[in-house]
């Protein structure tokens, strides 16, 4: 049995399970909004899909995200109405 490790094209956003459920309920909308935000700052990174993980959320991107991209993604999740911003921990690649 083989296990797949995280890729550098994956971003882990740690948060509580209640937040994960709320974000996953609107995952398609969140992907579109994050990509619009990244495109607005002229980033070449885009999010392909979001899935839940035991650590929080796992975002898979088309390219390796820079720290500035991670800051924009963190800001996006902290500004969502349904999410407790105190539970959102800085994303990491």
PDB file of N, CA and C in Angstrom:
ATOM      1  N   UNK A   1       0.850  -1.183   0.000  1.00  0.00           N
ATOM      2  CA  UNK A   1       0.000   0.000   0.000  1.00  0.00           C
ATOM      3  C   UNK A   1       0.886   1.234   0.000  1.00  0.00           C
ATOM      4  N   UNK A   2       0.597   2.137  -0.877  1.00  0.00           N
ATOM      5  CA  UNK A   2       1.364   3.372  -0.935  1.00  0.00           C
ATOM      6  C   UNK A   2       0.517   4.520  -0.428  1.00  0.00           C
ATOM      7  N   UNK A   3       1.176   5.498   0.128  1.00  0.00           N
ATOM      8  CA  UNK A   3       0.474   6.695   0.587  1.00  0.00           C
ATOM      9  C   UNK A   3       0.994   7.875  -0.193  1.00  0.00           C
ATOM     10  N   UNK A   4       0.107   8.770  -0.502  1.00  0.00           N
ATOM     11  CA  UNK A   4       0.475   9.950  -1.266  1.00  0.00           C
ATOM     12  C   UNK A   4       0.703  11.105  -0.302  1.00  0.00           C
ATOM     13  N   UNK A   5       1.856  11.739  -0.425  1.00  0.00           N
ATOM     14  CA  UNK A   5       2.168  12.889   0.410  1.00  0.00           C
ATOM     15  C   UNK A   5       1.594  14.146  -0.231  1.00  0.00           C
ATOM     16  N   UNK A   6       1.541  15.210   0.552  1.00  0.00           N
ATOM     17  CA  UNK A   6       1.063  16.482   0.031  1.00  0.00           C
ATOM     18  C   UNK A   6       2.019  17.016  -1.028  1.00  0.00           C
ATOM     19  N   UNK A   7       1.466  17.581  -2.048  1.00  0.00           N
ATOM     20  CA  UNK A   7       2.243  18.195  -3.112  1.00  0.00           C
ATOM     21  C   UNK A   7       2.494  19.655  -2.750  1.00  0.00           C
ATOM     22  N   UNK A   8       3.477  20.257  -3.381  1.00  0.00           N
ATOM     23  CA  UNK A   8       3.722  21.681  -3.160  1.00  0.00           C
ATOM     24  C   UNK A   8       2.648  22.525  -3.809  1.00  0.00           C
ATOM     25  N   UNK A   9       1.810  21.903  -4.639  1.00  0.00           N
ATOM     26  CA  UNK A   9       0.702  22.615  -5.268  1.00  0.00           C
ATOM     27  C   UNK A   9      -0.555  22.545  -4.415  1.00  0.00           C
ATOM     28  N   UNK A  10      -0.427  22.051  -3.203  1.00  0.00           N
ATOM     29  CA  UNK A  10      -1.565  21.963  -2.302  1.00  0.00           C
ATOM     30  C   UNK A  10      -1.357  22.912  -1.132  1.00  0.00           C
ATOM     31  N   UNK A  11      -2.440  23.555  -0.744  1.00  0.00           N
ATOM     32  CA  UNK A  11      -2.408  24.513   0.356  1.00  0.00           C
ATOM     33  C   UNK A  11      -3.306  23.983   1.458  1.00  0.00           C
ATOM     34  N   UNK A  12      -2.779  23.939   2.675  1.00  0.00           N
ATOM     35  CA  UNK A  12      -3.554  23.502   3.826  1.00  0.00           C
ATOM     36  C   UNK A  12      -3.993  24.739   4.596  1.00  0.00           C
ATOM     37  N   UNK A  13      -5.303  24.873   4.798  1.00  0.00           N
ATOM     38  CA  UNK A  13      -5.854  25.958   5.600  1.00  0.00           C
ATOM     39  C   UNK A  13      -6.475  25.308   6.828  1.00  0.00           C
ATOM     40  N   UNK A  14      -5.796  25.418   7.956  1.00  0.00           N
ATOM     41  CA  UNK A  14      -6.289  24.801   9.185  1.00  0.00           C
ATOM     42  C   UNK A  14      -7.420  25.627   9.771  1.00  0.00           C
ATOM     43  N   UNK A  15      -8.495  24.929  10.166  1.00  0.00           N
ATOM     44  CA  UNK A  15      -9.640  25.590  10.803  1.00  0.00           C
ATOM     45  C   UNK A  15     -10.494  24.530  11.478  1.00  0.00           C
ATOM     46  N   UNK A  16     -11.404  24.963  12.321  1.00  0.00           N
ATOM     47  CA  UNK A  16     -12.285  24.053  13.030  1.00  0.00           C
ATOM     48  C   UNK A  16     -13.242  23.324  12.114  1.00  0.00           C
ATOM     49  N   UNK A  17     -13.764  22.202  12.576  1.00  0.00           N
ATOM     50  CA  UNK A  17     -14.624  21.364  11.733  1.00  0.00           C
ATOM     51  C   UNK A  17     -15.923  22.062  11.336  1.00  0.00           C
ATOM     52  N   UNK A  18     -16.474  22.908  12.199  1.00  0.00           N
ATOM     53  CA  UNK A  18     -17.693  23.642  11.831  1.00  0.00           C
ATOM     54  C   UNK A  18     -17.428  24.569  10.646  1.00  0.00           C
ATOM     55  N   UNK A  19     -16.279  25.220  10.662  1.00  0.00           N
ATOM     56  CA  UNK A  19     -15.912  26.093   9.550  1.00  0.00           C
ATOM     57  C   UNK A  19     -15.726  25.303   8.266  1.00  0.00           C
ATOM     58  N   UNK A  20     -15.106  24.132   8.372  1.00  0.00           N
ATOM     59  CA  UNK A  20     -14.873  23.302   7.189  1.00  0.00           C
ATOM     60  C   UNK A  20     -16.200  22.931   6.543  1.00  0.00           C
ATOM     61  N   UNK A  21     -17.169  22.539   7.350  1.00  0.00           N
ATOM     62  CA  UNK A  21     -18.486  22.171   6.822  1.00  0.00           C
ATOM     63  C   UNK A  21     -19.144  23.334   6.102  1.00  0.00           C
ATOM     64  N   UNK A  22     -19.038  24.525   6.675  1.00  0.00           N
ATOM     65  CA  UNK A  22     -19.654  25.710   6.061  1.00  0.00           C
ATOM     66  C   UNK A  22     -18.983  26.074   4.741  1.00  0.00           C
ATOM     67  N   UNK A  23     -17.664  25.981   4.703  1.00  0.00           N
ATOM     68  CA  UNK A  23     -16.936  26.301   3.472  1.00  0.00           C
ATOM     69  C   UNK A  23     -17.220  25.257   2.401  1.00  0.00           C
ATOM     70  N   UNK A  24     -17.237  23.985   2.787  1.00  0.00           N
ATOM     71  CA  UNK A  24     -17.473  22.918   1.811  1.00  0.00           C
ATOM     72  C   UNK A  24     -18.881  22.976   1.236  1.00  0.00           C
ATOM     73  N   UNK A  25     -19.838  23.479   2.002  1.00  0.00           N
ATOM     74  CA  UNK A  25     -21.206  23.592   1.499  1.00  0.00           C
ATOM     75  C   UNK A  25     -21.286  24.548   0.308  1.00  0.00           C
ATOM     76  N   UNK A  26     -20.373  25.509   0.262  1.00  0.00           N
ATOM     77  CA  UNK A  26     -20.342  26.484  -0.832  1.00  0.00           C
ATOM     78  C   UNK A  26     -19.000  26.429  -1.568  1.00  0.00           C
ATOM     79  N   UNK A  27     -18.448  25.242  -1.721  1.00  0.00           N
ATOM     80  CA  UNK A  27     -17.090  25.121  -2.263  1.00  0.00           C
ATOM     81  C   UNK A  27     -16.957  25.666  -3.685  1.00  0.00           C
ATOM     82  N   UNK A  28     -17.949  25.421  -4.531  1.00  0.00           N
ATOM     83  CA  UNK A  28     -17.865  25.930  -5.913  1.00  0.00           C
ATOM     84  C   UNK A  28     -17.816  27.448  -5.948  1.00  0.00           C
ATOM     85  N   UNK A  29     -18.638  28.084  -5.160  1.00  0.00           N
ATOM     86  CA  UNK A  29     -18.642  29.547  -5.087  1.00  0.00           C
ATOM     87  C   UNK A  29     -17.317  30.053  -4.532  1.00  0.00           C
ATOM     88  N   UNK A  30     -16.787  29.369  -3.515  1.00  0.00           N
ATOM     89  CA  UNK A  30     -15.524  29.792  -2.924  1.00  0.00           C
ATOM     90  C   UNK A  30     -14.367  29.674  -3.915  1.00  0.00           C
ATOM     91  N   UNK A  31     -14.357  28.635  -4.722  1.00  0.00           N
ATOM     92  CA  UNK A  31     -13.299  28.476  -5.727  1.00  0.00           C
ATOM     93  C   UNK A  31     -13.343  29.634  -6.723  1.00  0.00           C
ATOM     94  N   UNK A  32     -14.528  29.952  -7.193  1.00  0.00           N
ATOM     95  CA  UNK A  32     -14.680  31.058  -8.154  1.00  0.00           C
ATOM     96  C   UNK A  32     -14.229  32.374  -7.517  1.00  0.00           C
ATOM     97  N   UNK A  33     -14.639  32.620  -6.282  1.00  0.00           N
ATOM     98  CA  UNK A  33     -14.278  33.869  -5.610  1.00  0.00           C
ATOM     99  C   UNK A  33     -12.772  33.978  -5.358  1.00  0.00           C
ATOM    100  N   UNK A  34     -12.148  32.886  -4.926  1.00  0.00           N
ATOM    101  CA  UNK A  34     -10.701  32.909  -4.681  1.00  0.00           C
ATOM    102  C   UNK A  34      -9.955  33.145  -5.987  1.00  0.00           C
ATOM    103  N   UNK A  35     -10.371  32.474  -7.052  1.00  0.00           N
ATOM    104  CA  UNK A  35      -9.712  32.672  -8.347  1.00  0.00           C
ATOM    105  C   UNK A  35      -9.890  34.093  -8.861  1.00  0.00           C
ATOM    106  N   UNK A  36     -11.055  34.673  -8.630  1.00  0.00           N
ATOM    107  CA  UNK A  36     -11.289  36.065  -9.030  1.00  0.00           C
ATOM    108  C   UNK A  36     -10.363  36.992  -8.237  1.00  0.00           C
ATOM    109  N   UNK A  37     -10.203  36.725  -6.947  1.00  0.00           N
ATOM    110  CA  UNK A  37      -9.316  37.528  -6.101  1.00  0.00           C
ATOM    111  C   UNK A  37      -7.867  37.408  -6.574  1.00  0.00           C
ATOM    112  N   UNK A  38      -7.416  36.182  -6.843  1.00  0.00           N
ATOM    113  CA  UNK A  38      -6.038  35.980  -7.294  1.00  0.00           C
ATOM    114  C   UNK A  38      -5.796  36.595  -8.670  1.00  0.00           C
ATOM    115  N   UNK A  39      -6.789  36.500  -9.540  1.00  0.00           N
ATOM    116  CA  UNK A  39      -6.654  37.114 -10.869  1.00  0.00           C
ATOM    117  C   UNK A  39      -6.595  38.633 -10.749  1.00  0.00           C
ATOM    118  N   UNK A  40      -7.334  39.189  -9.783  1.00  0.00           N
ATOM    119  CA  UNK A  40      -7.346  40.632  -9.569  1.00  0.00           C
ATOM    120  C   UNK A  40      -6.004  41.191  -9.141  1.00  0.00           C
ATOM    121  N   UNK A  41      -5.189  40.355  -8.487  1.00  0.00           N
ATOM    122  CA  UNK A  41      -3.853  40.796  -8.078  1.00  0.00           C
ATOM    123  C   UNK A  41      -2.790  40.284  -9.054  1.00  0.00           C
ATOM    124  N   UNK A  42      -3.242  39.874 -10.239  1.00  0.00           N
ATOM    125  CA  UNK A  42      -2.377  39.436 -11.335  1.00  0.00           C
ATOM    126  C   UNK A  42      -1.516  38.228 -10.970  1.00  0.00           C
ATOM    127  N   UNK A  43      -2.087  37.306 -10.227  1.00  0.00           N
ATOM    128  CA  UNK A  43      -1.402  36.065  -9.876  1.00  0.00           C
ATOM    129  C   UNK A  43      -1.654  35.019 -10.951  1.00  0.00           C
ATOM    130  N   UNK A  44      -0.675  34.182 -11.211  1.00  0.00           N
ATOM    131  CA  UNK A  44      -0.839  33.090 -12.167  1.00  0.00           C
ATOM    132  C   UNK A  44      -1.374  31.827 -11.489  1.00  0.00           C
ATOM    133  N   UNK A  45      -1.534  31.874 -10.190  1.00  0.00           N
ATOM    134  CA  UNK A  45      -2.035  30.727  -9.423  1.00  0.00           C
ATOM    135  C   UNK A  45      -3.554  30.740  -9.448  1.00  0.00           C
ATOM    136  N   UNK A  46      -4.149  29.562  -9.615  1.00  0.00           N
ATOM    137  CA  UNK A  46      -5.599  29.441  -9.496  1.00  0.00           C
ATOM    138  C   UNK A  46      -5.908  28.147  -8.738  1.00  0.00           C
ATOM    139  N   UNK A  47      -7.018  28.156  -8.032  1.00  0.00           N
ATOM    140  CA  UNK A  47      -7.439  26.990  -7.255  1.00  0.00           C
ATOM    141  C   UNK A  47      -8.268  26.089  -8.149  1.00  0.00           C
ATOM    142  N   UNK A  48      -7.897  24.819  -8.215  1.00  0.00           N
ATOM    143  CA  UNK A  48      -8.628  23.844  -9.028  1.00  0.00           C
ATOM    144  C   UNK A  48      -9.779  23.224  -8.256  1.00  0.00           C
ATOM    145  N   UNK A  49      -9.541  22.832  -7.012  1.00  0.00           N
ATOM    146  CA  UNK A  49     -10.624  22.305  -6.190  1.00  0.00           C
ATOM    147  C   UNK A  49     -10.275  22.380  -4.710  1.00  0.00           C
ATOM    148  N   UNK A  50     -11.314  22.264  -3.889  1.00  0.00           N
ATOM    149  CA  UNK A  50     -11.193  22.303  -2.437  1.00  0.00           C
ATOM    150  C   UNK A  50     -11.755  20.999  -1.893  1.00  0.00           C
ATOM    151  N   UNK A  51     -11.069  20.413  -0.944  1.00  0.00           N
ATOM    152  CA  UNK A  51     -11.616  19.239  -0.262  1.00  0.00           C
ATOM    153  C   UNK A  51     -11.302  19.360   1.224  1.00  0.00           C
ATOM    154  N   UNK A  52     -12.048  18.617   2.029  1.00  0.00           N
ATOM    155  CA  UNK A  52     -11.808  18.650   3.469  1.00  0.00           C
ATOM    156  C   UNK A  52     -10.728  17.642   3.817  1.00  0.00           C
ATOM    157  N   UNK A  53     -10.005  17.953   4.867  1.00  0.00           N
ATOM    158  CA  UNK A  53      -8.902  17.136   5.335  1.00  0.00           C
ATOM    159  C   UNK A  53      -8.999  17.087   6.848  1.00  0.00           C
ATOM    160  N   UNK A  54      -8.293  16.176   7.482  1.00  0.00           N
ATOM    161  CA  UNK A  54      -8.338  16.117   8.941  1.00  0.00           C
ATOM    162  C   UNK A  54      -7.703  17.346   9.580  1.00  0.00           C
ATOM    163  N   UNK A  55      -6.961  18.131   8.820  1.00  0.00           N
ATOM    164  CA  UNK A  55      -6.333  19.350   9.325  1.00  0.00           C
ATOM    165  C   UNK A  55      -7.165  20.593   9.038  1.00  0.00           C
ATOM    166  N   UNK A  56      -8.153  20.476   8.172  1.00  0.00           N
ATOM    167  CA  UNK A  56      -8.968  21.619   7.768  1.00  0.00           C
ATOM    168  C   UNK A  56      -9.350  21.498   6.322  1.00  0.00           C
ATOM    169  N   UNK A  57      -8.942  22.469   5.522  1.00  0.00           N
ATOM    170  CA  UNK A  57      -9.223  22.458   4.080  1.00  0.00           C
ATOM    171  C   UNK A  57      -7.941  22.207   3.308  1.00  0.00           C
ATOM    172  N   UNK A  58      -8.088  21.553   2.194  1.00  0.00           N
ATOM    173  CA  UNK A  58      -6.969  21.293   1.304  1.00  0.00           C
ATOM    174  C   UNK A  58      -7.327  21.876  -0.057  1.00  0.00           C
ATOM    175  N   UNK A  59      -6.598  22.893  -0.490  1.00  0.00           N
ATOM    176  CA  UNK A  59      -6.822  23.541  -1.777  1.00  0.00           C
ATOM    177  C   UNK A  59      -5.745  23.074  -2.741  1.00  0.00           C
ATOM    178  N   UNK A  60      -6.133  22.605  -3.906  1.00  0.00           N
ATOM    179  CA  UNK A  60      -5.182  22.188  -4.921  1.00  0.00           C
ATOM    180  C   UNK A  60      -5.130  23.278  -5.990  1.00  0.00           C
ATOM    181  N   UNK A  61      -3.907  23.699  -6.311  1.00  0.00           N
ATOM    182  CA  UNK A  61      -3.711  24.806  -7.247  1.00  0.00           C
ATOM    183  C   UNK A  61      -3.002  24.325  -8.503  1.00  0.00           C
ATOM    184  N   UNK A  62      -2.990  25.188  -9.521  1.00  0.00           N
ATOM    185  CA  UNK A  62      -2.330  24.848 -10.778  1.00  0.00           C
ATOM    186  C   UNK A  62      -0.822  25.042 -10.712  1.00  0.00           C
ATOM    187  N   UNK A  63      -0.344  25.902  -9.812  1.00  0.00           N
ATOM    188  CA  UNK A  63       1.084  26.178  -9.643  1.00  0.00           C
ATOM    189  C   UNK A  63       1.382  26.293  -8.157  1.00  0.00           C
ATOM    190  N   UNK A  64       2.645  26.290  -7.825  1.00  0.00           N
ATOM    191  CA  UNK A  64       3.058  26.472  -6.436  1.00  0.00           C
ATOM    192  C   UNK A  64       2.742  27.903  -6.024  1.00  0.00           C
ATOM    193  N   UNK A  65       2.047  28.060  -4.910  1.00  0.00           N
ATOM    194  CA  UNK A  65       1.619  29.383  -4.453  1.00  0.00           C
ATOM    195  C   UNK A  65       2.749  30.089  -3.699  1.00  0.00           C
ATOM    196  N   UNK A  66       2.879  31.373  -3.963  1.00  0.00           N
ATOM    197  CA  UNK A  66       3.836  32.210  -3.242  1.00  0.00           C
ATOM    198  C   UNK A  66       3.211  32.659  -1.926  1.00  0.00           C
ATOM    199  N   UNK A  67       4.023  33.203  -1.048  1.00  0.00           N
ATOM    200  CA  UNK A  67       3.512  33.640   0.253  1.00  0.00           C
ATOM    201  C   UNK A  67       2.463  34.744   0.105  1.00  0.00           C
ATOM    202  N   UNK A  68       2.597  35.591  -0.916  1.00  0.00           N
ATOM    203  CA  UNK A  68       1.595  36.637  -1.124  1.00  0.00           C
ATOM    204  C   UNK A  68       0.246  36.018  -1.491  1.00  0.00           C
ATOM    205  N   UNK A  69       0.264  34.937  -2.277  1.00  0.00           N
ATOM    206  CA  UNK A  69      -0.979  34.229  -2.606  1.00  0.00           C
ATOM    207  C   UNK A  69      -1.613  33.650  -1.347  1.00  0.00           C
ATOM    208  N   UNK A  70      -0.798  33.096  -0.471  1.00  0.00           N
ATOM    209  CA  UNK A  70      -1.303  32.522   0.775  1.00  0.00           C
ATOM    210  C   UNK A  70      -1.949  33.597   1.648  1.00  0.00           C
ATOM    211  N   UNK A  71      -1.368  34.790   1.648  1.00  0.00           N
ATOM    212  CA  UNK A  71      -1.941  35.895   2.426  1.00  0.00           C
ATOM    213  C   UNK A  71      -3.322  36.281   1.901  1.00  0.00           C
ATOM    214  N   UNK A  72      -3.480  36.332   0.578  1.00  0.00           N
ATOM    215  CA  UNK A  72      -4.783  36.660  -0.006  1.00  0.00           C
ATOM    216  C   UNK A  72      -5.814  35.575   0.296  1.00  0.00           C
ATOM    217  N   UNK A  73      -5.397  34.317   0.263  1.00  0.00           N
ATOM    218  CA  UNK A  73      -6.312  33.215   0.561  1.00  0.00           C
ATOM    219  C   UNK A  73      -6.727  33.251   2.022  1.00  0.00           C
ATOM    220  N   UNK A  74      -5.785  33.527   2.915  1.00  0.00           N
ATOM    221  CA  UNK A  74      -6.111  33.646   4.344  1.00  0.00           C
ATOM    222  C   UNK A  74      -7.109  34.781   4.565  1.00  0.00           C
ATOM    223  N   UNK A  75      -6.854  35.913   3.955  1.00  0.00           N
ATOM    224  CA  UNK A  75      -7.752  37.063   4.085  1.00  0.00           C
ATOM    225  C   UNK A  75      -9.151  36.719   3.584  1.00  0.00           C
ATOM    226  N   UNK A  76      -9.233  35.984   2.479  1.00  0.00           N
ATOM    227  CA  UNK A  76     -10.525  35.598   1.929  1.00  0.00           C
ATOM    228  C   UNK A  76     -11.315  34.763   2.940  1.00  0.00           C
ATOM    229  N   UNK A  77     -10.696  33.739   3.504  1.00  0.00           N
ATOM    230  CA  UNK A  77     -11.409  32.873   4.445  1.00  0.00           C
ATOM    231  C   UNK A  77     -11.778  33.597   5.733  1.00  0.00           C
ATOM    232  N   UNK A  78     -10.942  34.516   6.175  1.00  0.00           N
ATOM    233  CA  UNK A  78     -11.255  35.254   7.401  1.00  0.00           C
ATOM    234  C   UNK A  78     -12.397  36.251   7.202  1.00  0.00           C
ATOM    235  N   UNK A  79     -12.658  36.652   5.951  1.00  0.00           N
ATOM    236  CA  UNK A  79     -13.724  37.611   5.682  1.00  0.00           C
ATOM    237  C   UNK A  79     -15.059  36.956   5.335  1.00  0.00           C
ATOM    238  N   UNK A  80     -15.118  35.633   5.249  1.00  0.00           N
ATOM    239  CA  UNK A  80     -16.380  34.953   4.988  1.00  0.00           C
ATOM    240  C   UNK A  80     -17.330  35.140   6.168  1.00  0.00           C
ATOM    241  N   UNK A  81     -18.607  35.362   5.878  1.00  0.00           N
ATOM    242  CA  UNK A  81     -19.593  35.593   6.931  1.00  0.00           C
ATOM    243  C   UNK A  81     -19.844  34.364   7.790  1.00  0.00           C
ATOM    244  N   UNK A  82     -19.813  33.183   7.190  1.00  0.00           N
ATOM    245  CA  UNK A  82     -20.158  31.951   7.896  1.00  0.00           C
ATOM    246  C   UNK A  82     -19.013  31.379   8.727  1.00  0.00           C
ATOM    247  N   UNK A  83     -17.828  31.929   8.616  1.00  0.00           N
ATOM    248  CA  UNK A  83     -16.639  31.334   9.230  1.00  0.00           C
ATOM    249  C   UNK A  83     -16.195  32.136  10.438  1.00  0.00           C
ATOM    250  N   UNK A  84     -15.852  31.411  11.513  1.00  0.00           N
ATOM    251  CA  UNK A  84     -15.273  32.041  12.700  1.00  0.00           C
ATOM    252  C   UNK A  84     -13.814  32.358  12.396  1.00  0.00           C
ATOM    253  N   UNK A  85     -13.503  33.624  12.195  1.00  0.00           N
ATOM    254  CA  UNK A  85     -12.155  34.009  11.759  1.00  0.00           C
ATOM    255  C   UNK A  85     -11.070  33.705  12.773  1.00  0.00           C
ATOM    256  N   UNK A  86     -11.441  33.522  14.039  1.00  0.00           N
ATOM    257  CA  UNK A  86     -10.439  33.181  15.050  1.00  0.00           C
ATOM    258  C   UNK A  86      -9.930  31.751  14.899  1.00  0.00           C
ATOM    259  N   UNK A  87     -10.691  30.919  14.222  1.00  0.00           N
ATOM    260  CA  UNK A  87     -10.299  29.519  14.026  1.00  0.00           C
ATOM    261  C   UNK A  87      -9.488  29.292  12.758  1.00  0.00           C
ATOM    262  N   UNK A  88      -9.405  30.301  11.893  1.00  0.00           N
ATOM    263  CA  UNK A  88      -8.652  30.157  10.638  1.00  0.00           C
ATOM    264  C   UNK A  88      -7.178  30.425  10.934  1.00  0.00           C
ATOM    265  N   UNK A  89      -6.352  29.417  10.662  1.00  0.00           N
ATOM    266  CA  UNK A  89      -4.900  29.524  10.896  1.00  0.00           C
ATOM    267  C   UNK A  89      -4.240  29.762   9.544  1.00  0.00           C
ATOM    268  N   UNK A  90      -3.162  30.500   9.541  1.00  0.00           N
ATOM    269  CA  UNK A  90      -2.478  30.858   8.303  1.00  0.00           C
ATOM    270  C   UNK A  90      -2.267  29.647   7.402  1.00  0.00           C
ATOM    271  N   UNK A  91      -2.633  29.784   6.128  1.00  0.00           N
ATOM    272  CA  UNK A  91      -2.437  28.675   5.180  1.00  0.00           C
ATOM    273  C   UNK A  91      -0.952  28.411   4.957  1.00  0.00           C
ATOM    274  N   UNK A  92      -0.645  27.185   4.603  1.00  0.00           N
ATOM    275  CA  UNK A  92       0.737  26.835   4.291  1.00  0.00           C
ATOM    276  C   UNK A  92       0.736  25.869   3.105  1.00  0.00           C
ATOM    277  N   UNK A  93       1.808  25.938   2.339  1.00  0.00           N
ATOM    278  CA  UNK A  93       1.935  25.071   1.172  1.00  0.00           C
ATOM    279  C   UNK A  93       2.471  23.716   1.601  1.00  0.00           C
TER     280      UNK A  93
END
